[in-house]
PDB file of all heavy atoms in Angstrom:
ATOM      1  N   VAL A   1      48.745 -17.693 -25.143  1.00  0.00           N
ATOM      2  CA  VAL A   1      49.487 -16.472 -24.781  1.00  0.00           C
ATOM      3  C   VAL A   1      49.688 -15.589 -26.005  1.00  0.00           C
ATOM      4  O   VAL A   1      49.453 -14.383 -25.934  1.00  0.00           O
ATOM      5  CB  VAL A   1      50.817 -16.799 -24.094  1.00  0.00           C
ATOM      6  CG1 VAL A   1      51.617 -15.585 -23.798  1.00  0.00           C
ATOM      7  CG2 VAL A   1      50.527 -17.496 -22.813  1.00  0.00           C
ATOM      8  N   ALA A   2      50.087 -16.202 -27.115  1.00  0.00           N
ATOM      9  CA  ALA A   2      50.232 -15.489 -28.340  1.00  0.00           C
ATOM     10  C   ALA A   2      48.959 -14.818 -28.833  1.00  0.00           C
ATOM     11  O   ALA A   2      48.911 -13.641 -29.299  1.00  0.00           O
ATOM     12  CB  ALA A   2      50.851 -16.358 -29.426  1.00  0.00           C
ATOM     13  N   GLY A   3      47.866 -15.586 -28.696  1.00  0.00           N
ATOM     14  CA  GLY A   3      46.561 -14.991 -29.104  1.00  0.00           C
ATOM     15  C   GLY A   3      46.189 -13.802 -28.269  1.00  0.00           C
ATOM     16  O   GLY A   3      45.679 -12.832 -28.786  1.00  0.00           O
ATOM     17  N   ILE A   4      46.361 -13.946 -26.917  1.00  0.00           N
ATOM     18  CA  ILE A   4      46.084 -12.802 -26.067  1.00  0.00           C
ATOM     19  C   ILE A   4      46.995 -11.615 -26.400  1.00  0.00           C
ATOM     20  O   ILE A   4      46.500 -10.459 -26.416  1.00  0.00           O
ATOM     21  CB  ILE A   4      46.240 -13.233 -24.593  1.00  0.00           C
ATOM     22  CG1 ILE A   4      45.192 -14.288 -24.234  1.00  0.00           C
ATOM     23  CG2 ILE A   4      46.058 -12.033 -23.657  1.00  0.00           C
ATOM     24  CD1 ILE A   4      45.317 -14.911 -22.829  1.00  0.00           C
ATOM     25  N   ALA A   5      48.245 -11.894 -26.649  1.00  0.00           N
ATOM     26  CA  ALA A   5      49.119 -10.767 -26.928  1.00  0.00           C
ATOM     27  C   ALA A   5      48.790 -10.173 -28.273  1.00  0.00           C
ATOM     28  O   ALA A   5      48.988  -8.907 -28.482  1.00  0.00           O
ATOM     29  CB  ALA A   5      50.587 -11.285 -27.048  1.00  0.00           C
ATOM     30  N   ALA A   6      48.289 -10.896 -29.249  1.00  0.00           N
ATOM     31  CA  ALA A   6      47.973 -10.417 -30.544  1.00  0.00           C
ATOM     32  C   ALA A   6      46.608  -9.715 -30.573  1.00  0.00           C
ATOM     33  O   ALA A   6      46.227  -9.151 -31.631  1.00  0.00           O
ATOM     34  CB  ALA A   6      48.060 -11.482 -31.598  1.00  0.00           C
ATOM     35  N   ARG A   7      45.830  -9.796 -29.500  1.00  0.00           N
ATOM     36  CA  ARG A   7      44.459  -9.233 -29.497  1.00  0.00           C
ATOM     37  C   ARG A   7      44.415  -7.779 -29.871  1.00  0.00           C
ATOM     38  O   ARG A   7      43.603  -7.338 -30.742  1.00  0.00           O
ATOM     39  CB  ARG A   7      43.831  -9.488 -28.186  1.00  0.00           C
ATOM     40  CG  ARG A   7      42.308  -9.059 -28.165  1.00  0.00           C
ATOM     41  CD  ARG A   7      41.737  -9.457 -26.765  1.00  0.00           C
ATOM     42  NE  ARG A   7      42.402  -8.724 -25.728  1.00  0.00           N
ATOM     43  CZ  ARG A   7      42.169  -7.523 -25.357  1.00  0.00           C
ATOM     44  NH1 ARG A   7      41.188  -6.816 -25.948  1.00  0.00           N
ATOM     45  NH2 ARG A   7      42.782  -6.937 -24.357  1.00  0.00           N
ATOM     46  N   PRO A   8      45.316  -6.937 -29.367  1.00  0.00           N
ATOM     47  CA  PRO A   8      45.252  -5.530 -29.785  1.00  0.00           C
ATOM     48  C   PRO A   8      45.546  -5.324 -31.192  1.00  0.00           C
ATOM     49  O   PRO A   8      44.941  -4.490 -31.907  1.00  0.00           O
ATOM     50  CB  PRO A   8      46.331  -4.861 -28.862  1.00  0.00           C
ATOM     51  CG  PRO A   8      46.426  -5.735 -27.634  1.00  0.00           C
ATOM     52  CD  PRO A   8      46.211  -7.103 -28.213  1.00  0.00           C
ATOM     53  N   VAL A   9      46.503  -6.130 -31.802  1.00  0.00           N
ATOM     54  CA  VAL A   9      46.824  -5.986 -33.120  1.00  0.00           C
ATOM     55  C   VAL A   9      45.633  -6.394 -34.015  1.00  0.00           C
ATOM     56  O   VAL A   9      45.275  -5.704 -35.023  1.00  0.00           O
ATOM     57  CB  VAL A   9      48.085  -6.839 -33.495  1.00  0.00           C
ATOM     58  CG1 VAL A   9      48.431  -6.824 -34.976  1.00  0.00           C
ATOM     59  CG2 VAL A   9      49.214  -6.387 -32.638  1.00  0.00           C
ATOM     60  N   LEU A  10      45.047  -7.504 -33.717  1.00  0.00           N
ATOM     61  CA  LEU A  10      43.862  -7.987 -34.504  1.00  0.00           C
ATOM     62  C   LEU A  10      42.699  -7.022 -34.313  1.00  0.00           C
ATOM     63  O   LEU A  10      41.970  -6.749 -35.283  1.00  0.00           O
ATOM     64  CB  LEU A  10      43.478  -9.385 -34.059  1.00  0.00           C
ATOM     65  CG  LEU A  10      44.496 -10.446 -34.331  1.00  0.00           C
ATOM     66  CD1 LEU A  10      44.056 -11.823 -33.756  1.00  0.00           C
ATOM     67  CD2 LEU A  10      44.842 -10.589 -35.754  1.00  0.00           C
ATOM     68  N   GLY A  11      42.546  -6.418 -33.131  1.00  0.00           N
ATOM     69  CA  GLY A  11      41.446  -5.541 -32.867  1.00  0.00           C
ATOM     70  C   GLY A  11      41.668  -4.270 -33.688  1.00  0.00           C
ATOM     71  O   GLY A  11      40.687  -3.755 -34.310  1.00  0.00           O
ATOM     72  N   ASN A  12      42.875  -3.724 -33.818  1.00  0.00           N
ATOM     73  CA  ASN A  12      43.168  -2.579 -34.611  1.00  0.00           C
ATOM     74  C   ASN A  12      42.997  -2.871 -36.105  1.00  0.00           C
ATOM     75  O   ASN A  12      42.536  -2.057 -36.896  1.00  0.00           O
ATOM     76  CB  ASN A  12      44.572  -2.055 -34.384  1.00  0.00           C
ATOM     77  CG  ASN A  12      44.636  -1.348 -33.081  1.00  0.00           C
ATOM     78  OD1 ASN A  12      43.738  -0.590 -32.674  1.00  0.00           O
ATOM     79  ND2 ASN A  12      45.781  -1.388 -32.404  1.00  0.00           N
ATOM     80  N   PHE A  13      43.351  -4.094 -36.509  1.00  0.00           N
ATOM     81  CA  PHE A  13      43.163  -4.528 -37.883  1.00  0.00           C
ATOM     82  C   PHE A  13      41.646  -4.527 -38.255  1.00  0.00           C
ATOM     83  O   PHE A  13      41.304  -3.995 -39.327  1.00  0.00           O
ATOM     84  CB  PHE A  13      43.805  -5.886 -38.123  1.00  0.00           C
ATOM     85  CG  PHE A  13      43.618  -6.456 -39.514  1.00  0.00           C
ATOM     86  CD1 PHE A  13      44.386  -5.926 -40.593  1.00  0.00           C
ATOM     87  CD2 PHE A  13      42.631  -7.405 -39.805  1.00  0.00           C
ATOM     88  CE1 PHE A  13      44.185  -6.379 -41.859  1.00  0.00           C
ATOM     89  CE2 PHE A  13      42.470  -7.880 -41.076  1.00  0.00           C
ATOM     90  CZ  PHE A  13      43.221  -7.364 -42.115  1.00  0.00           C
ATOM     91  N   ILE A  14      40.879  -5.144 -37.418  1.00  0.00           N
ATOM     92  CA  ILE A  14      39.439  -5.185 -37.678  1.00  0.00           C
ATOM     93  C   ILE A  14      38.834  -3.767 -37.646  1.00  0.00           C
ATOM     94  O   ILE A  14      37.979  -3.396 -38.436  1.00  0.00           O
ATOM     95  CB  ILE A  14      38.739  -6.069 -36.687  1.00  0.00           C
ATOM     96  CG1 ILE A  14      39.260  -7.538 -36.919  1.00  0.00           C
ATOM     97  CG2 ILE A  14      37.222  -6.053 -36.813  1.00  0.00           C
ATOM     98  CD1 ILE A  14      38.728  -8.577 -35.881  1.00  0.00           C
ATOM     99  N   ALA A  15      39.328  -2.906 -36.691  1.00  0.00           N
ATOM    100  CA  ALA A  15      38.845  -1.589 -36.572  1.00  0.00           C
ATOM    101  C   ALA A  15      39.194  -0.779 -37.813  1.00  0.00           C
ATOM    102  O   ALA A  15      38.393   0.046 -38.273  1.00  0.00           O
ATOM    103  CB  ALA A  15      39.413  -0.894 -35.327  1.00  0.00           C
ATOM    104  N   GLY A  16      40.353  -1.065 -38.419  1.00  0.00           N
ATOM    105  CA  GLY A  16      40.770  -0.337 -39.604  1.00  0.00           C
ATOM    106  C   GLY A  16      39.855  -0.696 -40.741  1.00  0.00           C
ATOM    107  O   GLY A  16      39.478   0.177 -41.600  1.00  0.00           O
ATOM    108  N   MET A  17      39.411  -1.982 -40.858  1.00  0.00           N
ATOM    109  CA  MET A  17      38.515  -2.376 -41.904  1.00  0.00           C
ATOM    110  C   MET A  17      37.159  -1.702 -41.703  1.00  0.00           C
ATOM    111  O   MET A  17      36.527  -1.280 -42.643  1.00  0.00           O
ATOM    112  CB  MET A  17      38.267  -3.891 -41.898  1.00  0.00           C
ATOM    113  CG  MET A  17      39.568  -4.663 -42.151  1.00  0.00           C
ATOM    114  SD  MET A  17      40.310  -4.291 -43.778  1.00  0.00           S
ATOM    115  CE  MET A  17      39.066  -5.020 -44.821  1.00  0.00           C
ATOM    116  N   GLN A  18      36.710  -1.604 -40.400  1.00  0.00           N
ATOM    117  CA  GLN A  18      35.399  -0.905 -40.111  1.00  0.00           C
ATOM    118  C   GLN A  18      35.553   0.571 -40.500  1.00  0.00           C
ATOM    119  O   GLN A  18      34.565   1.121 -41.086  1.00  0.00           O
ATOM    120  CB  GLN A  18      35.068  -1.028 -38.653  1.00  0.00           C
ATOM    121  CG  GLN A  18      34.664  -2.434 -38.235  1.00  0.00           C
ATOM    122  CD  GLN A  18      34.385  -2.507 -36.748  1.00  0.00           C
ATOM    123  OE1 GLN A  18      35.264  -2.589 -35.903  1.00  0.00           O
ATOM    124  NE2 GLN A  18      33.078  -2.471 -36.423  1.00  0.00           N
ATOM    125  N   ILE A  19      36.665   1.215 -40.197  1.00  0.00           N
ATOM    126  CA  ILE A  19      36.833   2.613 -40.523  1.00  0.00           C
ATOM    127  C   ILE A  19      36.830   2.782 -42.021  1.00  0.00           C
ATOM    128  O   ILE A  19      36.278   3.812 -42.586  1.00  0.00           O
ATOM    129  CB  ILE A  19      38.024   3.122 -39.867  1.00  0.00           C
ATOM    130  CG1 ILE A  19      37.823   3.274 -38.352  1.00  0.00           C
ATOM    131  CG2 ILE A  19      38.471   4.498 -40.451  1.00  0.00           C
ATOM    132  CD1 ILE A  19      39.080   3.689 -37.545  1.00  0.00           C
ATOM    133  N   ALA A  20      37.461   1.871 -42.758  1.00  0.00           N
ATOM    134  CA  ALA A  20      37.540   1.999 -44.170  1.00  0.00           C
ATOM    135  C   ALA A  20      36.129   1.948 -44.895  1.00  0.00           C
ATOM    136  O   ALA A  20      35.896   2.724 -45.851  1.00  0.00           O
ATOM    137  CB  ALA A  20      38.407   0.862 -44.773  1.00  0.00           C
ATOM    138  N   PHE A  21      35.235   1.151 -44.373  1.00  0.00           N
ATOM    139  CA  PHE A  21      33.927   1.021 -45.014  1.00  0.00           C
ATOM    140  C   PHE A  21      32.919   1.936 -44.360  1.00  0.00           C
ATOM    141  O   PHE A  21      32.062   2.546 -45.065  1.00  0.00           O
ATOM    142  CB  PHE A  21      33.467  -0.464 -44.854  1.00  0.00           C
ATOM    143  CG  PHE A  21      34.279  -1.414 -45.799  1.00  0.00           C
ATOM    144  CD1 PHE A  21      35.280  -2.204 -45.266  1.00  0.00           C
ATOM    145  CD2 PHE A  21      34.033  -1.403 -47.130  1.00  0.00           C
ATOM    146  CE1 PHE A  21      36.047  -3.066 -46.038  1.00  0.00           C
ATOM    147  CE2 PHE A  21      34.823  -2.238 -47.942  1.00  0.00           C
ATOM    148  CZ  PHE A  21      35.761  -3.023 -47.405  1.00  0.00           C
ATOM    149  N   SER A  22      32.811   1.995 -43.041  1.00  0.00           N
ATOM    150  CA  SER A  22      31.805   2.843 -42.418  1.00  0.00           C
ATOM    151  C   SER A  22      32.279   4.352 -42.322  1.00  0.00           C
ATOM    152  O   SER A  22      31.400   5.227 -42.350  1.00  0.00           O
ATOM    153  CB  SER A  22      31.449   2.377 -41.057  1.00  0.00           C
ATOM    154  OG  SER A  22      32.626   2.442 -40.154  1.00  0.00           O
ATOM    155  N   GLN A  23      33.580   4.575 -42.252  1.00  0.00           N
ATOM    156  CA  GLN A  23      34.153   5.932 -42.309  1.00  0.00           C
ATOM    157  C   GLN A  23      33.604   6.876 -41.262  1.00  0.00           C
ATOM    158  O   GLN A  23      33.026   7.909 -41.594  1.00  0.00           O
ATOM    159  CB  GLN A  23      33.952   6.498 -43.756  1.00  0.00           C
ATOM    160  CG  GLN A  23      34.719   5.759 -44.816  1.00  0.00           C
ATOM    161  CD  GLN A  23      35.182   6.659 -45.894  1.00  0.00           C
ATOM    162  OE1 GLN A  23      34.644   7.721 -46.150  1.00  0.00           O
ATOM    163  NE2 GLN A  23      36.284   6.269 -46.547  1.00  0.00           N
ATOM    164  N   PRO A  24      33.717   6.578 -39.945  1.00  0.00           N
ATOM    165  CA  PRO A  24      33.442   7.599 -38.955  1.00  0.00           C
ATOM    166  C   PRO A  24      34.530   8.773 -38.990  1.00  0.00           C
ATOM    167  O   PRO A  24      34.212   9.877 -38.607  1.00  0.00           O
ATOM    168  CB  PRO A  24      33.571   6.828 -37.663  1.00  0.00           C
ATOM    169  CG  PRO A  24      34.482   5.715 -37.979  1.00  0.00           C
ATOM    170  CD  PRO A  24      34.187   5.269 -39.380  1.00  0.00           C
ATOM    171  N   ILE A  25      35.677   8.453 -39.570  1.00  0.00           N
ATOM    172  CA  ILE A  25      36.705   9.503 -39.740  1.00  0.00           C
ATOM    173  C   ILE A  25      37.309   9.332 -41.120  1.00  0.00           C
ATOM    174  O   ILE A  25      37.303   8.271 -41.664  1.00  0.00           O
ATOM    175  CB  ILE A  25      37.861   9.354 -38.692  1.00  0.00           C
ATOM    176  CG1 ILE A  25      38.506   8.041 -38.682  1.00  0.00           C
ATOM    177  CG2 ILE A  25      37.262   9.702 -37.285  1.00  0.00           C
ATOM    178  CD1 ILE A  25      39.734   7.998 -37.783  1.00  0.00           C
ATOM    179  N   ARG A  26      37.854  10.470 -41.608  1.00  0.00           N
ATOM    180  CA  ARG A  26      38.566  10.441 -42.907  1.00  0.00           C
ATOM    181  C   ARG A  26      39.796  11.283 -42.790  1.00  0.00           C
ATOM    182  O   ARG A  26      39.990  12.068 -41.839  1.00  0.00           O
ATOM    183  CB  ARG A  26      37.608  10.994 -43.987  1.00  0.00           C
ATOM    184  CG  ARG A  26      36.446  10.133 -44.351  1.00  0.00           C
ATOM    185  CD  ARG A  26      35.537  10.856 -45.358  1.00  0.00           C
ATOM    186  NE  ARG A  26      34.986  12.066 -44.819  1.00  0.00           N
ATOM    187  CZ  ARG A  26      33.787  12.098 -44.215  1.00  0.00           C
ATOM    188  NH1 ARG A  26      33.063  11.058 -44.047  1.00  0.00           N
ATOM    189  NH2 ARG A  26      33.425  13.279 -43.703  1.00  0.00           N
ATOM    190  N   ILE A  27      40.622  11.178 -43.786  1.00  0.00           N
ATOM    191  CA  ILE A  27      41.803  12.052 -43.860  1.00  0.00           C
ATOM    192  C   ILE A  27      41.340  13.500 -43.887  1.00  0.00           C
ATOM    193  O   ILE A  27      40.469  13.875 -44.648  1.00  0.00           O
ATOM    194  CB  ILE A  27      42.678  11.694 -45.093  1.00  0.00           C
ATOM    195  CG1 ILE A  27      43.157  10.248 -45.015  1.00  0.00           C
ATOM    196  CG2 ILE A  27      43.884  12.678 -45.223  1.00  0.00           C
ATOM    197  CD1 ILE A  27      44.118   9.951 -43.857  1.00  0.00           C
ATOM    198  N   ASP A  28      41.952  14.370 -43.115  1.00  0.00           N
ATOM    199  CA  ASP A  28      41.729  15.786 -43.028  1.00  0.00           C
ATOM    200  C   ASP A  28      40.401  16.164 -42.369  1.00  0.00           C
ATOM    201  O   ASP A  28      40.018  17.303 -42.383  1.00  0.00           O
ATOM    202  CB  ASP A  28      41.805  16.428 -44.421  1.00  0.00           C
ATOM    203  CG  ASP A  28      42.118  17.943 -44.391  1.00  0.00           C
ATOM    204  OD1 ASP A  28      43.024  18.263 -43.597  1.00  0.00           O
ATOM    205  OD2 ASP A  28      41.571  18.731 -45.171  1.00  0.00           O
ATOM    206  N   ASP A  29      39.720  15.155 -41.694  1.00  0.00           N
ATOM    207  CA  ASP A  29      38.607  15.497 -40.896  1.00  0.00           C
ATOM    208  C   ASP A  29      38.981  16.258 -39.647  1.00  0.00           C
ATOM    209  O   ASP A  29      40.097  16.094 -39.120  1.00  0.00           O
ATOM    210  CB  ASP A  29      37.886  14.219 -40.490  1.00  0.00           C
ATOM    211  CG  ASP A  29      36.761  13.777 -41.431  1.00  0.00           C
ATOM    212  OD1 ASP A  29      36.496  14.589 -42.324  1.00  0.00           O
ATOM    213  OD2 ASP A  29      36.237  12.736 -41.297  1.00  0.00           O
ATOM    214  N   VAL A  30      38.069  17.196 -39.236  1.00  0.00           N
ATOM    215  CA  VAL A  30      38.349  17.906 -37.986  1.00  0.00           C
ATOM    216  C   VAL A  30      37.650  17.214 -36.876  1.00  0.00           C
ATOM    217  O   VAL A  30      36.434  16.959 -36.820  1.00  0.00           O
ATOM    218  CB  VAL A  30      37.769  19.373 -38.169  1.00  0.00           C
ATOM    219  CG1 VAL A  30      37.950  20.116 -36.807  1.00  0.00           C
ATOM    220  CG2 VAL A  30      38.490  20.090 -39.300  1.00  0.00           C
ATOM    221  N   LEU A  31      38.438  16.817 -35.826  1.00  0.00           N
ATOM    222  CA  LEU A  31      37.961  16.052 -34.713  1.00  0.00           C
ATOM    223  C   LEU A  31      38.197  16.782 -33.414  1.00  0.00           C
ATOM    224  O   LEU A  31      39.123  17.578 -33.258  1.00  0.00           O
ATOM    225  CB  LEU A  31      38.668  14.658 -34.653  1.00  0.00           C
ATOM    226  CG  LEU A  31      38.678  13.811 -35.938  1.00  0.00           C
ATOM    227  CD1 LEU A  31      39.371  12.536 -35.636  1.00  0.00           C
ATOM    228  CD2 LEU A  31      37.230  13.539 -36.408  1.00  0.00           C
ATOM    229  N   ILE A  32      37.368  16.405 -32.390  1.00  0.00           N
ATOM    230  CA  ILE A  32      37.651  16.763 -31.051  1.00  0.00           C
ATOM    231  C   ILE A  32      37.859  15.456 -30.309  1.00  0.00           C
ATOM    232  O   ILE A  32      36.932  14.644 -30.110  1.00  0.00           O
ATOM    233  CB  ILE A  32      36.438  17.550 -30.404  1.00  0.00           C
ATOM    234  CG1 ILE A  32      36.189  18.808 -31.207  1.00  0.00           C
ATOM    235  CG2 ILE A  32      36.769  17.883 -28.938  1.00  0.00           C
ATOM    236  CD1 ILE A  32      37.282  19.809 -31.170  1.00  0.00           C
ATOM    237  N   VAL A  33      39.140  15.177 -29.949  1.00  0.00           N
ATOM    238  CA  VAL A  33      39.506  13.933 -29.311  1.00  0.00           C
ATOM    239  C   VAL A  33      40.190  14.272 -27.965  1.00  0.00           C
ATOM    240  O   VAL A  33      41.211  14.976 -27.930  1.00  0.00           O
ATOM    241  CB  VAL A  33      40.471  13.170 -30.218  1.00  0.00           C
ATOM    242  CG1 VAL A  33      40.825  11.830 -29.513  1.00  0.00           C
ATOM    243  CG2 VAL A  33      39.781  12.842 -31.485  1.00  0.00           C
ATOM    244  N   HIS A  34      39.655  13.797 -26.865  1.00  0.00           N
ATOM    245  CA  HIS A  34      40.183  14.021 -25.545  1.00  0.00           C
ATOM    246  C   HIS A  34      40.280  15.532 -25.274  1.00  0.00           C
ATOM    247  O   HIS A  34      41.270  15.991 -24.649  1.00  0.00           O
ATOM    248  CB  HIS A  34      41.538  13.367 -25.327  1.00  0.00           C
ATOM    249  CG  HIS A  34      41.606  11.886 -25.404  1.00  0.00           C
ATOM    250  ND1 HIS A  34      40.842  11.082 -24.553  1.00  0.00           N
ATOM    251  CD2 HIS A  34      42.174  10.978 -26.221  1.00  0.00           C
ATOM    252  CE1 HIS A  34      40.988   9.794 -24.850  1.00  0.00           C
ATOM    253  NE2 HIS A  34      41.815   9.756 -25.869  1.00  0.00           N
ATOM    254  N   GLY A  35      39.303  16.323 -25.817  1.00  0.00           N
ATOM    255  CA  GLY A  35      39.302  17.722 -25.549  1.00  0.00           C
ATOM    256  C   GLY A  35      40.186  18.487 -26.438  1.00  0.00           C
ATOM    257  O   GLY A  35      40.288  19.714 -26.283  1.00  0.00           O
ATOM    258  N   GLU A  36      40.856  17.869 -27.382  1.00  0.00           N
ATOM    259  CA  GLU A  36      41.792  18.511 -28.259  1.00  0.00           C
ATOM    260  C   GLU A  36      41.164  18.693 -29.674  1.00  0.00           C
ATOM    261  O   GLU A  36      40.569  17.753 -30.206  1.00  0.00           O
ATOM    262  CB  GLU A  36      43.055  17.757 -28.380  1.00  0.00           C
ATOM    263  CG  GLU A  36      43.851  17.572 -27.052  1.00  0.00           C
ATOM    264  CD  GLU A  36      44.619  18.843 -26.715  1.00  0.00           C
ATOM    265  OE1 GLU A  36      44.480  19.862 -27.487  1.00  0.00           O
ATOM    266  OE2 GLU A  36      45.287  18.847 -25.698  1.00  0.00           O
ATOM    267  N   TRP A  37      41.376  19.853 -30.211  1.00  0.00           N
ATOM    268  CA  TRP A  37      40.890  20.195 -31.642  1.00  0.00           C
ATOM    269  C   TRP A  37      41.991  19.844 -32.625  1.00  0.00           C
ATOM    270  O   TRP A  37      43.167  20.313 -32.406  1.00  0.00           O
ATOM    271  CB  TRP A  37      40.503  21.623 -31.708  1.00  0.00           C
ATOM    272  CG  TRP A  37      39.907  21.978 -33.101  1.00  0.00           C
ATOM    273  CD1 TRP A  37      38.595  22.096 -33.408  1.00  0.00           C
ATOM    274  CD2 TRP A  37      40.609  22.424 -34.233  1.00  0.00           C
ATOM    275  NE1 TRP A  37      38.426  22.523 -34.703  1.00  0.00           N
ATOM    276  CE2 TRP A  37      39.697  22.731 -35.243  1.00  0.00           C
ATOM    277  CE3 TRP A  37      41.976  22.562 -34.511  1.00  0.00           C
ATOM    278  CZ2 TRP A  37      40.063  23.165 -36.535  1.00  0.00           C
ATOM    279  CZ3 TRP A  37      42.345  22.941 -35.808  1.00  0.00           C
ATOM    280  CH2 TRP A  37      41.404  23.247 -36.786  1.00  0.00           C
ATOM    281  N   GLY A  38      41.771  19.079 -33.644  1.00  0.00           N
ATOM    282  CA  GLY A  38      42.818  18.771 -34.576  1.00  0.00           C
ATOM    283  C   GLY A  38      42.225  18.136 -35.874  1.00  0.00           C
ATOM    284  O   GLY A  38      41.069  17.899 -35.960  1.00  0.00           O
ATOM    285  N   ARG A  39      43.137  17.917 -36.792  1.00  0.00           N
ATOM    286  CA  ARG A  39      42.785  17.339 -38.059  1.00  0.00           C
ATOM    287  C   ARG A  39      43.429  15.923 -38.252  1.00  0.00           C
ATOM    288  O   ARG A  39      44.570  15.737 -37.730  1.00  0.00           O
ATOM    289  CB  ARG A  39      43.205  18.179 -39.245  1.00  0.00           C
ATOM    290  CG  ARG A  39      42.447  19.519 -39.402  1.00  0.00           C
ATOM    291  CD  ARG A  39      42.879  20.308 -40.614  1.00  0.00           C
ATOM    292  NE  ARG A  39      42.125  21.524 -40.719  1.00  0.00           N
ATOM    293  CZ  ARG A  39      40.910  21.602 -41.407  1.00  0.00           C
ATOM    294  NH1 ARG A  39      40.484  20.589 -41.944  1.00  0.00           N
ATOM    295  NH2 ARG A  39      40.301  22.783 -41.452  1.00  0.00           N
TER     296      ARG A  39
END
């Protein structure tokens, strides 16, 4: 149960490592997310 509950946390942790190295986004990048324009 704890492993299932912690899956989103671990998923975000691994996603953070992927973003740090592959960098699909960066600080101050201009994005269109869910139809919204923002930085």
